[in-house]
C-alpha atoms as a PDB file:
ATOM      1  CA  MET A   1     -12.793 -22.169   6.721  1.00  0.00           C
ATOM      2  CA  LYS A   2      -9.545 -20.231   6.446  1.00  0.00           C
ATOM      3  CA  LYS A   3      -8.131 -19.099   9.788  1.00  0.00           C
ATOM      4  CA  ILE A   4      -6.185 -15.843   9.436  1.00  0.00           C
ATOM      5  CA  LEU A   5      -4.021 -14.021  11.952  1.00  0.00           C
ATOM      6  CA  ILE A   6      -3.327 -10.328  11.322  1.00  0.00           C
ATOM      7  CA  THR A   7      -0.182  -9.020  12.988  1.00  0.00           C
ATOM      8  CA  GLY A   8      -0.542  -5.317  13.724  1.00  0.00           C
ATOM      9  CA  ALA A   9      -3.791  -5.067  15.649  1.00  0.00           C
ATOM     10  CA  ASN A  10      -4.492  -1.370  15.122  1.00  0.00           C
ATOM     11  CA  SER A  11      -3.171  -0.865  11.605  1.00  0.00           C
ATOM     12  CA  TYR A  12      -5.407   0.774   8.997  1.00  0.00           C
ATOM     13  CA  ILE A  13      -4.859  -2.010   6.464  1.00  0.00           C
ATOM     14  CA  GLY A  14      -5.195  -4.797   9.023  1.00  0.00           C
ATOM     15  CA  ALA A  15      -8.431  -3.419  10.468  1.00  0.00           C
ATOM     16  CA  SER A  16      -9.822  -2.841   6.972  1.00  0.00           C
ATOM     17  CA  PHE A  17      -9.046  -6.401   5.898  1.00  0.00           C
ATOM     18  CA  GLU A  18     -10.605  -7.840   9.037  1.00  0.00           C
ATOM     19  CA  LYS A  19     -13.794  -5.879   8.315  1.00  0.00           C
ATOM     20  CA  TRP A  20     -13.710  -6.956   4.656  1.00  0.00           C
ATOM     21  CA  CYS A  21     -13.526 -10.634   5.580  1.00  0.00           C
ATOM     22  CA  SER A  22     -16.545 -10.271   7.897  1.00  0.00           C
ATOM     23  CA  GLN A  23     -18.709 -10.378   4.756  1.00  0.00           C
ATOM     24  CA  TRP A  24     -17.961 -14.118   4.608  1.00  0.00           C
ATOM     25  CA  PRO A  25     -18.328 -15.314   8.230  1.00  0.00           C
ATOM     26  CA  ASP A  26     -18.514 -18.968   7.189  1.00  0.00           C
ATOM     27  CA  GLU A  27     -15.365 -18.794   5.060  1.00  0.00           C
ATOM     28  CA  TYR A  28     -12.896 -16.717   7.067  1.00  0.00           C
ATOM     29  CA  SER A  29     -12.059 -16.555  10.743  1.00  0.00           C
ATOM     30  CA  VAL A  30      -9.830 -13.580  11.554  1.00  0.00           C
ATOM     31  CA  ASP A  31      -7.840 -12.811  14.704  1.00  0.00           C
ATOM     32  CA  THR A  32      -5.510  -9.880  15.320  1.00  0.00           C
ATOM     33  CA  MET A  33      -2.361  -9.682  17.393  1.00  0.00           C
ATOM     34  CA  ASP A  34      -0.366  -6.763  18.763  1.00  0.00           C
ATOM     35  CA  MET A  35       3.409  -7.049  18.388  1.00  0.00           C
ATOM     36  CA  ILE A  36       4.523  -4.035  20.417  1.00  0.00           C
ATOM     37  CA  ASP A  37       6.205  -6.199  23.040  1.00  0.00           C
ATOM     38  CA  GLY A  38       7.668  -9.676  22.822  1.00  0.00           C
ATOM     39  CA  SER A  39       4.680 -11.541  24.231  1.00  0.00           C
ATOM     40  CA  TRP A  40       3.594 -12.567  20.707  1.00  0.00           C
ATOM     41  CA  LYS A  41       6.464 -15.063  20.658  1.00  0.00           C
ATOM     42  CA  GLN A  42       4.595 -17.178  23.201  1.00  0.00           C
ATOM     43  CA  LYS A  43       1.461 -17.385  21.044  1.00  0.00           C
ATOM     44  CA  SER A  44       1.031 -20.505  18.938  1.00  0.00           C
ATOM     45  CA  PHE A  45       0.553 -19.947  15.216  1.00  0.00           C
ATOM     46  CA  ALA A  46      -0.286 -23.615  14.635  1.00  0.00           C
ATOM     47  CA  ILE A  47      -4.052 -23.069  14.422  1.00  0.00           C
ATOM     48  CA  TYR A  48      -3.756 -20.584  11.541  1.00  0.00           C
ATOM     49  CA  ASP A  49      -3.694 -21.149   7.808  1.00  0.00           C
ATOM     50  CA  VAL A  50      -2.492 -17.623   7.017  1.00  0.00           C
ATOM     51  CA  ILE A  51      -0.438 -14.930   8.715  1.00  0.00           C
ATOM     52  CA  PHE A  52      -1.112 -11.478   7.252  1.00  0.00           C
ATOM     53  CA  HIS A  53       1.844  -9.409   8.438  1.00  0.00           C
ATOM     54  CA  VAL A  54       1.183  -5.675   8.519  1.00  0.00           C
ATOM     55  CA  ALA A  55       3.028  -4.846  11.735  1.00  0.00           C
ATOM     56  CA  GLY A  56       5.721  -2.292  11.031  1.00  0.00           C
ATOM     57  CA  ILE A  57       6.623   1.379  10.910  1.00  0.00           C
ATOM     58  CA  ALA A  58       4.522   2.873   8.143  1.00  0.00           C
ATOM     59  CA  HIS A  59       5.731   6.464   7.918  1.00  0.00           C
ATOM     60  CA  VAL A  60       8.891   7.531   6.119  1.00  0.00           C
ATOM     61  CA  SER A  61      11.589   9.205   8.203  1.00  0.00           C
ATOM     62  CA  SER A  62      15.005  10.549   7.284  1.00  0.00           C
ATOM     63  CA  ASP A  63      16.068  10.907  10.918  1.00  0.00           C
ATOM     64  CA  PRO A  64      19.281   8.841  11.266  1.00  0.00           C
ATOM     65  CA  LYS A  65      18.355   8.129  14.879  1.00  0.00           C
ATOM     66  CA  MET A  66      15.412   6.089  13.584  1.00  0.00           C
ATOM     67  CA  GLU A  67      17.432   3.886  11.244  1.00  0.00           C
ATOM     68  CA  ALA A  68      18.128   1.008  13.645  1.00  0.00           C
ATOM     69  CA  LEU A  69      14.462   0.920  14.710  1.00  0.00           C
ATOM     70  CA  TYR A  70      13.272   0.649  11.093  1.00  0.00           C
ATOM     71  CA  TYR A  71      15.476  -2.363  10.434  1.00  0.00           C
ATOM     72  CA  ARG A  72      14.559  -3.958  13.749  1.00  0.00           C
ATOM     73  CA  VAL A  73      10.816  -3.621  13.135  1.00  0.00           C
ATOM     74  CA  ASN A  74      10.357  -3.677   9.365  1.00  0.00           C
ATOM     75  CA  ARG A  75      13.018  -6.262   8.575  1.00  0.00           C
ATOM     76  CA  ASP A  76      13.959  -8.350  11.612  1.00  0.00           C
ATOM     77  CA  LEU A  77      10.439  -8.632  13.072  1.00  0.00           C
ATOM     78  CA  THR A  78       9.043  -9.629   9.672  1.00  0.00           C
ATOM     79  CA  ILE A  79      11.614 -12.374   9.134  1.00  0.00           C
ATOM     80  CA  GLU A  80      11.276 -13.685  12.687  1.00  0.00           C
ATOM     81  CA  THR A  81       7.477 -13.826  12.344  1.00  0.00           C
ATOM     82  CA  ALA A  82       7.690 -15.655   9.016  1.00  0.00           C
ATOM     83  CA  GLN A  83      10.181 -18.173  10.408  1.00  0.00           C
ATOM     84  CA  LYS A  84       7.919 -18.855  13.374  1.00  0.00           C
ATOM     85  CA  ALA A  85       4.919 -19.245  11.059  1.00  0.00           C
ATOM     86  CA  LYS A  86       6.744 -21.768   8.879  1.00  0.00           C
ATOM     87  CA  SER A  87       8.099 -23.775  11.804  1.00  0.00           C
ATOM     88  CA  GLU A  88       4.602 -24.056  13.295  1.00  0.00           C
ATOM     89  CA  GLY A  89       2.939 -25.295  10.124  1.00  0.00           C
ATOM     90  CA  VAL A  90       1.237 -22.135   8.812  1.00  0.00           C
ATOM     91  CA  LYS A  91       0.530 -22.564   5.088  1.00  0.00           C
ATOM     92  CA  GLN A  92       0.828 -18.959   3.880  1.00  0.00           C
ATOM     93  CA  PHE A  93       2.560 -15.731   4.886  1.00  0.00           C
ATOM     94  CA  VAL A  94       1.372 -12.457   3.315  1.00  0.00           C
ATOM     95  CA  PHE A  95       3.634  -9.432   3.699  1.00  0.00           C
ATOM     96  CA  MET A  96       2.807  -5.787   3.050  1.00  0.00           C
ATOM     97  CA  SER A  97       5.794  -4.233   1.351  1.00  0.00           C
ATOM     98  CA  SER A  98       5.554  -1.045  -0.741  1.00  0.00           C
ATOM     99  CA  ILE A  99       6.241   0.612  -4.079  1.00  0.00           C
ATOM    100  CA  ILE A 100       8.783   2.643  -2.126  1.00  0.00           C
ATOM    101  CA  VAL A 101      11.323  -0.171  -2.569  1.00  0.00           C
ATOM    102  CA  TYR A 102      11.836   1.424  -6.000  1.00  0.00           C
ATOM    103  CA  GLY A 103      12.721   4.763  -4.431  1.00  0.00           C
ATOM    104  CA  ASP A 104      10.475   7.710  -3.748  1.00  0.00           C
ATOM    105  CA  SER A 105      11.497   9.638  -6.851  1.00  0.00           C
ATOM    106  CA  SER A 106       8.622  10.977  -8.913  1.00  0.00           C
ATOM    107  CA  SER A 107       8.860  14.123 -10.992  1.00  0.00           C
ATOM    108  CA  ILE A 108       6.444  16.608 -12.498  1.00  0.00           C
ATOM    109  CA  ASN A 109       8.833  16.871 -15.433  1.00  0.00           C
ATOM    110  CA  ARG A 110       9.090  13.229 -16.480  1.00  0.00           C
ATOM    111  CA  LYS A 111       7.051  10.060 -16.396  1.00  0.00           C
ATOM    112  CA  ARG A 112       8.402   7.105 -14.457  1.00  0.00           C
ATOM    113  CA  ILE A 113       7.045   3.648 -15.275  1.00  0.00           C
ATOM    114  CA  ILE A 114       7.885   0.618 -13.141  1.00  0.00           C
ATOM    115  CA  ASP A 115       7.659  -2.797 -14.801  1.00  0.00           C
ATOM    116  CA  ARG A 116       8.816  -6.299 -13.934  1.00  0.00           C
ATOM    117  CA  SER A 117      12.349  -5.559 -15.073  1.00  0.00           C
ATOM    118  CA  THR A 118      12.733  -2.448 -12.899  1.00  0.00           C
ATOM    119  CA  VAL A 119      15.390  -3.032 -10.255  1.00  0.00           C
ATOM    120  CA  PRO A 120      14.444  -1.822  -6.742  1.00  0.00           C
ATOM    121  CA  GLN A 121      16.598   1.095  -5.576  1.00  0.00           C
ATOM    122  CA  PRO A 122      15.420   2.268  -2.155  1.00  0.00           C
ATOM    123  CA  ALA A 123      16.103   5.930  -1.465  1.00  0.00           C
ATOM    124  CA  ASN A 124      15.904   5.662   2.334  1.00  0.00           C
ATOM    125  CA  PHE A 125      16.097   3.148   5.142  1.00  0.00           C
ATOM    126  CA  TYR A 126      12.304   2.733   5.175  1.00  0.00           C
ATOM    127  CA  GLY A 127      12.371   1.363   1.636  1.00  0.00           C
ATOM    128  CA  ASP A 128      15.564  -0.599   2.237  1.00  0.00           C
ATOM    129  CA  SER A 129      14.181  -2.218   5.404  1.00  0.00           C
ATOM    130  CA  LYS A 130      11.137  -3.380   3.427  1.00  0.00           C
ATOM    131  CA  LEU A 131      13.304  -4.739   0.602  1.00  0.00           C
ATOM    132  CA  GLN A 132      15.566  -6.612   3.009  1.00  0.00           C
ATOM    133  CA  ALA A 133      12.490  -8.059   4.731  1.00  0.00           C
ATOM    134  CA  GLU A 134      11.259  -9.316   1.354  1.00  0.00           C
ATOM    135  CA  ALA A 135      14.575 -11.035   0.700  1.00  0.00           C
ATOM    136  CA  GLY A 136      14.555 -12.620   4.141  1.00  0.00           C
ATOM    137  CA  ILE A 137      11.102 -14.194   3.766  1.00  0.00           C
ATOM    138  CA  LEU A 138      11.070 -15.148   0.066  1.00  0.00           C
ATOM    139  CA  VAL A 139      13.826 -17.711   0.723  1.00  0.00           C
ATOM    140  CA  LEU A 140      11.393 -19.496   3.063  1.00  0.00           C
ATOM    141  CA  GLN A 141       9.065 -20.348   0.166  1.00  0.00           C
ATOM    142  CA  ASP A 142       8.553 -24.059  -0.466  1.00  0.00           C
ATOM    143  CA  ASP A 143       5.761 -26.474  -1.354  1.00  0.00           C
ATOM    144  CA  ALA A 144       4.357 -26.352   2.187  1.00  0.00           C
ATOM    145  CA  PHE A 145       4.830 -22.624   2.887  1.00  0.00           C
ATOM    146  CA  ASN A 146       3.628 -19.956   0.464  1.00  0.00           C
ATOM    147  CA  VAL A 147       5.074 -16.450   0.714  1.00  0.00           C
ATOM    148  CA  VAL A 148       3.220 -13.491  -0.812  1.00  0.00           C
ATOM    149  CA  VAL A 149       4.918 -10.091  -1.088  1.00  0.00           C
ATOM    150  CA  LEU A 150       2.663  -7.150  -1.970  1.00  0.00           C
ATOM    151  CA  ARG A 151       4.167  -3.918  -3.305  1.00  0.00           C
ATOM    152  CA  PRO A 152       1.177  -1.563  -3.456  1.00  0.00           C
ATOM    153  CA  PRO A 153       1.350   2.113  -4.424  1.00  0.00           C
ATOM    154  CA  MET A 154      -0.258   4.800  -2.249  1.00  0.00           C
ATOM    155  CA  ILE A 155      -3.298   3.362  -0.462  1.00  0.00           C
ATOM    156  CA  TYR A 156      -6.306   5.544   0.281  1.00  0.00           C
ATOM    157  CA  GLY A 157      -9.779   5.141   1.673  1.00  0.00           C
ATOM    158  CA  LYS A 158     -12.009   6.354   4.468  1.00  0.00           C
ATOM    159  CA  GLY A 159      -9.848   6.997   7.517  1.00  0.00           C
ATOM    160  CA  SER A 160      -6.545   6.709   5.666  1.00  0.00           C
ATOM    161  CA  LYS A 161      -3.595   8.938   6.445  1.00  0.00           C
ATOM    162  CA  GLY A 162      -0.867  10.500   4.334  1.00  0.00           C
ATOM    163  CA  ASN A 163      -1.171  12.577   1.176  1.00  0.00           C
ATOM    164  CA  TYR A 164      -4.800  11.858   0.358  1.00  0.00           C
ATOM    165  CA  PRO A 165      -6.323  13.706   3.366  1.00  0.00           C
ATOM    166  CA  ARG A 166      -4.209  16.754   2.502  1.00  0.00           C
ATOM    167  CA  LEU A 167      -5.555  16.752  -1.044  1.00  0.00           C
ATOM    168  CA  ALA A 168      -9.090  16.337   0.297  1.00  0.00           C
ATOM    169  CA  ARG A 169      -8.733  19.400   2.514  1.00  0.00           C
ATOM    170  CA  MET A 170      -7.447  21.467  -0.414  1.00  0.00           C
ATOM    171  CA  ALA A 171     -10.292  20.276  -2.620  1.00  0.00           C
ATOM    172  CA  GLN A 172     -12.814  21.660  -0.149  1.00  0.00           C
ATOM    173  CA  LYS A 173     -11.081  24.999   0.387  1.00  0.00           C
ATOM    174  CA  LEU A 174      -9.442  26.125  -2.851  1.00  0.00           C
ATOM    175  CA  PRO A 175     -11.440  27.830  -5.630  1.00  0.00           C
ATOM    176  CA  VAL A 176      -8.846  26.854  -8.263  1.00  0.00           C
ATOM    177  CA  PHE A 177      -6.335  24.026  -8.588  1.00  0.00           C
ATOM    178  CA  PRO A 178      -3.442  23.384 -11.008  1.00  0.00           C
ATOM    179  CA  ASP A 179      -4.375  21.109 -13.902  1.00  0.00           C
ATOM    180  CA  VAL A 180      -1.112  19.188 -14.286  1.00  0.00           C
ATOM    181  CA  PRO A 181      -1.373  16.192 -16.664  1.00  0.00           C
ATOM    182  CA  ASN A 182       0.428  13.764 -14.345  1.00  0.00           C
ATOM    183  CA  GLU A 183      -0.236  10.073 -13.707  1.00  0.00           C
ATOM    184  CA  ARG A 184       0.022   8.154 -10.446  1.00  0.00           C
ATOM    185  CA  SER A 185      -0.654   4.575  -9.470  1.00  0.00           C
ATOM    186  CA  MET A 186      -2.918   4.433  -6.429  1.00  0.00           C
ATOM    187  CA  LEU A 187      -4.940   1.737  -4.687  1.00  0.00           C
ATOM    188  CA  HIS A 188      -8.268   2.056  -2.923  1.00  0.00           C
ATOM    189  CA  ILE A 189      -8.463   0.092   0.305  1.00  0.00           C
ATOM    190  CA  ASP A 190     -11.401  -2.062  -0.901  1.00  0.00           C
ATOM    191  CA  ASN A 191      -9.484  -3.094  -4.020  1.00  0.00           C
ATOM    192  CA  LEU A 192      -6.512  -4.004  -1.834  1.00  0.00           C
ATOM    193  CA  CYS A 193      -8.627  -6.004   0.609  1.00  0.00           C
ATOM    194  CA  GLU A 194     -10.270  -7.961  -2.199  1.00  0.00           C
ATOM    195  CA  PHE A 195      -6.864  -8.657  -3.729  1.00  0.00           C
ATOM    196  CA  ILE A 196      -5.555 -10.005  -0.422  1.00  0.00           C
ATOM    197  CA  ARG A 197      -8.665 -12.145  -0.004  1.00  0.00           C
ATOM    198  CA  ILE A 198      -8.065 -13.656  -3.452  1.00  0.00           C
ATOM    199  CA  MET A 199      -4.419 -14.307  -2.560  1.00  0.00           C
ATOM    200  CA  VAL A 200      -5.589 -16.214   0.503  1.00  0.00           C
ATOM    201  CA  GLU A 201      -8.342 -18.067  -1.339  1.00  0.00           C
ATOM    202  CA  ASN A 202      -5.995 -19.180  -4.118  1.00  0.00           C
ATOM    203  CA  GLU A 203      -3.108 -20.002  -1.762  1.00  0.00           C
ATOM    204  CA  GLU A 204      -0.847 -17.836  -3.909  1.00  0.00           C
ATOM    205  CA  HIS A 205       2.855 -17.168  -3.653  1.00  0.00           C
ATOM    206  CA  GLY A 206       5.218 -14.649  -5.233  1.00  0.00           C
ATOM    207  CA  GLN A 207       5.484 -10.879  -5.669  1.00  0.00           C
ATOM    208  CA  PHE A 208       2.431  -8.848  -6.665  1.00  0.00           C
ATOM    209  CA  TYR A 209       1.775  -5.243  -7.658  1.00  0.00           C
ATOM    210  CA  PRO A 210      -1.913  -4.425  -7.078  1.00  0.00           C
ATOM    211  CA  GLN A 211      -3.164  -0.994  -8.142  1.00  0.00           C
ATOM    212  CA  ASN A 212      -6.416   0.633  -9.246  1.00  0.00           C
ATOM    213  CA  LYS A 213      -7.503  -0.120 -12.781  1.00  0.00           C
ATOM    214  CA  GLU A 214      -7.081   3.570 -13.692  1.00  0.00           C
ATOM    215  CA  TYR A 215      -4.083   5.824 -13.203  1.00  0.00           C
ATOM    216  CA  VAL A 216      -4.872   8.900 -11.136  1.00  0.00           C
ATOM    217  CA  ARG A 217      -4.392  12.488 -12.232  1.00  0.00           C
ATOM    218  CA  THR A 218      -4.026  14.698  -9.155  1.00  0.00           C
ATOM    219  CA  SER A 219      -6.280  17.444 -10.531  1.00  0.00           C
ATOM    220  CA  GLU A 220      -8.983  14.940 -11.493  1.00  0.00           C
ATOM    221  CA  MET A 221      -8.906  13.427  -8.010  1.00  0.00           C
ATOM    222  CA  VAL A 222      -9.238  16.874  -6.450  1.00  0.00           C
ATOM    223  CA  ARG A 223     -12.135  17.695  -8.802  1.00  0.00           C
ATOM    224  CA  LEU A 224     -13.938  14.477  -7.851  1.00  0.00           C
ATOM    225  CA  ILE A 225     -13.428  15.135  -4.143  1.00  0.00           C
ATOM    226  CA  ALA A 226     -14.839  18.654  -4.493  1.00  0.00           C
ATOM    227  CA  GLU A 227     -17.772  17.340  -6.534  1.00  0.00           C
ATOM    228  CA  THR A 228     -18.581  14.787  -3.834  1.00  0.00           C
ATOM    229  CA  HIS A 229     -18.955  17.672  -1.375  1.00  0.00           C
ATOM    230  CA  GLY A 230     -21.156  19.663  -3.766  1.00  0.00           C
ATOM    231  CA  LYS A 231     -18.385  22.122  -4.556  1.00  0.00           C
ATOM    232  CA  LYS A 232     -17.056  23.195  -7.931  1.00  0.00           C
ATOM    233  CA  ILE A 233     -13.348  23.794  -8.320  1.00  0.00           C
ATOM    234  CA  ARG A 234     -11.819  25.397 -11.390  1.00  0.00           C
ATOM    235  CA  LEU A 235      -8.844  23.631 -12.900  1.00  0.00           C
ATOM    236  CA  THR A 236      -6.226  25.782 -14.598  1.00  0.00           C
ATOM    237  CA  ARG A 237      -2.934  25.248 -16.390  1.00  0.00           C
ATOM    238  CA  PHE A 238      -1.840  28.810 -15.667  1.00  0.00           C
ATOM    239  CA  PHE A 239       0.520  27.672 -12.875  1.00  0.00           C
ATOM    240  CA  ASN A 240       2.014  24.714 -14.754  1.00  0.00           C
ATOM    241  CA  PRO A 241       5.192  26.447 -16.061  1.00  0.00           C
ATOM    242  CA  ALA A 242       6.050  27.697 -12.567  1.00  0.00           C
ATOM    243  CA  LEU A 243       5.302  24.305 -11.009  1.00  0.00           C
ATOM    244  CA  LYS A 244       7.530  22.540 -13.538  1.00  0.00           C
ATOM    245  CA  LEU A 245      10.352  24.919 -12.718  1.00  0.00           C
ATOM    246  CA  MET A 246       9.786  24.472  -8.970  1.00  0.00           C
ATOM    247  CA  GLY A 247       9.771  20.709  -9.485  1.00  0.00           C
ATOM    248  CA  LYS A 248      13.513  20.852 -10.101  1.00  0.00           C
ATOM    249  CA  PHE A 249      14.103  22.172  -6.582  1.00  0.00           C
ATOM    250  CA  VAL A 250      11.015  21.604  -4.395  1.00  0.00           C
ATOM    251  CA  GLY A 251      10.226  18.058  -3.339  1.00  0.00           C
ATOM    252  CA  GLN A 252       6.645  18.825  -2.301  1.00  0.00           C
ATOM    253  CA  VAL A 253       5.763  19.805  -5.871  1.00  0.00           C
ATOM    254  CA  ASN A 254       6.876  16.406  -7.146  1.00  0.00           C
ATOM    255  CA  LYS A 255       5.073  14.672  -4.290  1.00  0.00           C
ATOM    256  CA  ALA A 256       1.807  16.341  -5.327  1.00  0.00           C
ATOM    257  CA  PHE A 257       2.169  16.383  -9.108  1.00  0.00           C
ATOM    258  CA  GLY A 258       4.867  13.831  -9.900  1.00  0.00           C
ATOM    259  CA  ASN A 259       4.516  10.912 -12.300  1.00  0.00           C
ATOM    260  CA  LEU A 260       4.984   7.409 -10.887  1.00  0.00           C
ATOM    261  CA  VAL A 261       3.121   4.378 -12.184  1.00  0.00           C
ATOM    262  CA  TYR A 262       3.229   0.626 -12.380  1.00  0.00           C
ATOM    263  CA  GLU A 263       2.975  -0.610 -15.955  1.00  0.00           C
ATOM    264  CA  LYS A 264      -0.617  -1.845 -16.026  1.00  0.00           C
ATOM    265  CA  SER A 265      -0.021  -5.433 -17.109  1.00  0.00           C
ATOM    266  CA  ILE A 266       2.019  -6.301 -14.001  1.00  0.00           C
ATOM    267  CA  SER A 267      -1.003  -5.503 -11.838  1.00  0.00           C
ATOM    268  CA  GLU A 268      -3.411  -7.757 -13.689  1.00  0.00           C
ATOM    269  CA  TYR A 269      -4.513 -11.029 -12.120  1.00  0.00           C
ATOM    270  CA  LYS A 270      -6.505 -14.025 -13.333  1.00  0.00           C
ATOM    271  CA  GLU A 271      -9.415 -12.837 -11.188  1.00  0.00           C
ATOM    272  CA  ASP A 272     -10.869  -9.338 -11.079  1.00  0.00           C
ATOM    273  CA  TYR A 273     -10.100  -7.564  -7.798  1.00  0.00           C
ATOM    274  CA  TRP A 274     -11.136  -4.096  -8.991  1.00  0.00           C
ATOM    275  CA  ILE A 275     -14.218  -3.716  -6.808  1.00  0.00           C
ATOM    276  CA  ARG A 276     -14.181   0.105  -6.987  1.00  0.00           C
ATOM    277  CA  ASP A 277     -13.471   2.454  -9.867  1.00  0.00           C
ATOM    278  CA  LEU A 278     -11.950   5.863  -9.144  1.00  0.00           C
ATOM    279  CA  LYS A 279     -15.195   7.813  -8.935  1.00  0.00           C
ATOM    280  CA  GLU A 280     -16.867   5.323  -6.599  1.00  0.00           C
ATOM    281  CA  SER A 281     -13.744   5.047  -4.449  1.00  0.00           C
ATOM    282  CA  ILE A 282     -13.675   8.831  -3.924  1.00  0.00           C
ATOM    283  CA  LYS A 283     -17.360   8.866  -3.019  1.00  0.00           C
ATOM    284  CA  LEU A 284     -16.887   6.073  -0.466  1.00  0.00           C
ATOM    285  CA  THR A 285     -13.816   7.775   1.006  1.00  0.00           C
ATOM    286  CA  GLU A 286     -15.535  11.134   1.407  1.00  0.00           C
ATOM    287  CA  GLU A 287     -18.984  10.100   2.583  1.00  0.00           C
END
């Protein structure tokens, strides 16, 4: 049996993974730990095979007053936890990083494809704190201590926060929606949880880029959400010229309709982790 400790007791990803592992009660034993104060330092990690580190500040902020906190939590706490895990004989450390280490630039006017040769260029201290955390833990890798760094794109699923719930609300209210032919890499929470489980099972190490098997077109996602609720929404390209012009000046347009994808081959693995296709993932998220 693999004994797993999730750091970040109330995180969406941590709670989802704990629930996912409950399908195999004889194979995985999962505990969670809050890291809000320093009491975690007194807890022994020696009984665990795996530390799944999701504790951190998840939202992006440009407030300069927050900068020191981001580095203290996202970088320093991560490295300190990994060092403690290694010194106490834990076999594997899994870290949730993010596609945002490549910057948050996506554009309605051009397609951006990230592959293995793409150099990370964080656009803010959230992305930079994640990248520095990666650097600080990857050097700990050796034959007795496996380090896994995950750089997922936008994660969605039932109860998730961020851009997806905003799209879902629009899908249920708007009679028409712009049909922009964009492409985004996204990752349903079940696909992520299965990928992490496989990482644990195979005692993997290295950097990984899990994503859904299909790229997501914003208009198609909105159409599927509306369909799940028994509502028809008309897609139109009438607004596309104006949106493309606005995309040069308005960040929210690029956030909704920008192009940002991982090249598909870097997300492939020797085992299939794509439990949900896009249509099923939307249905599960909305039900």
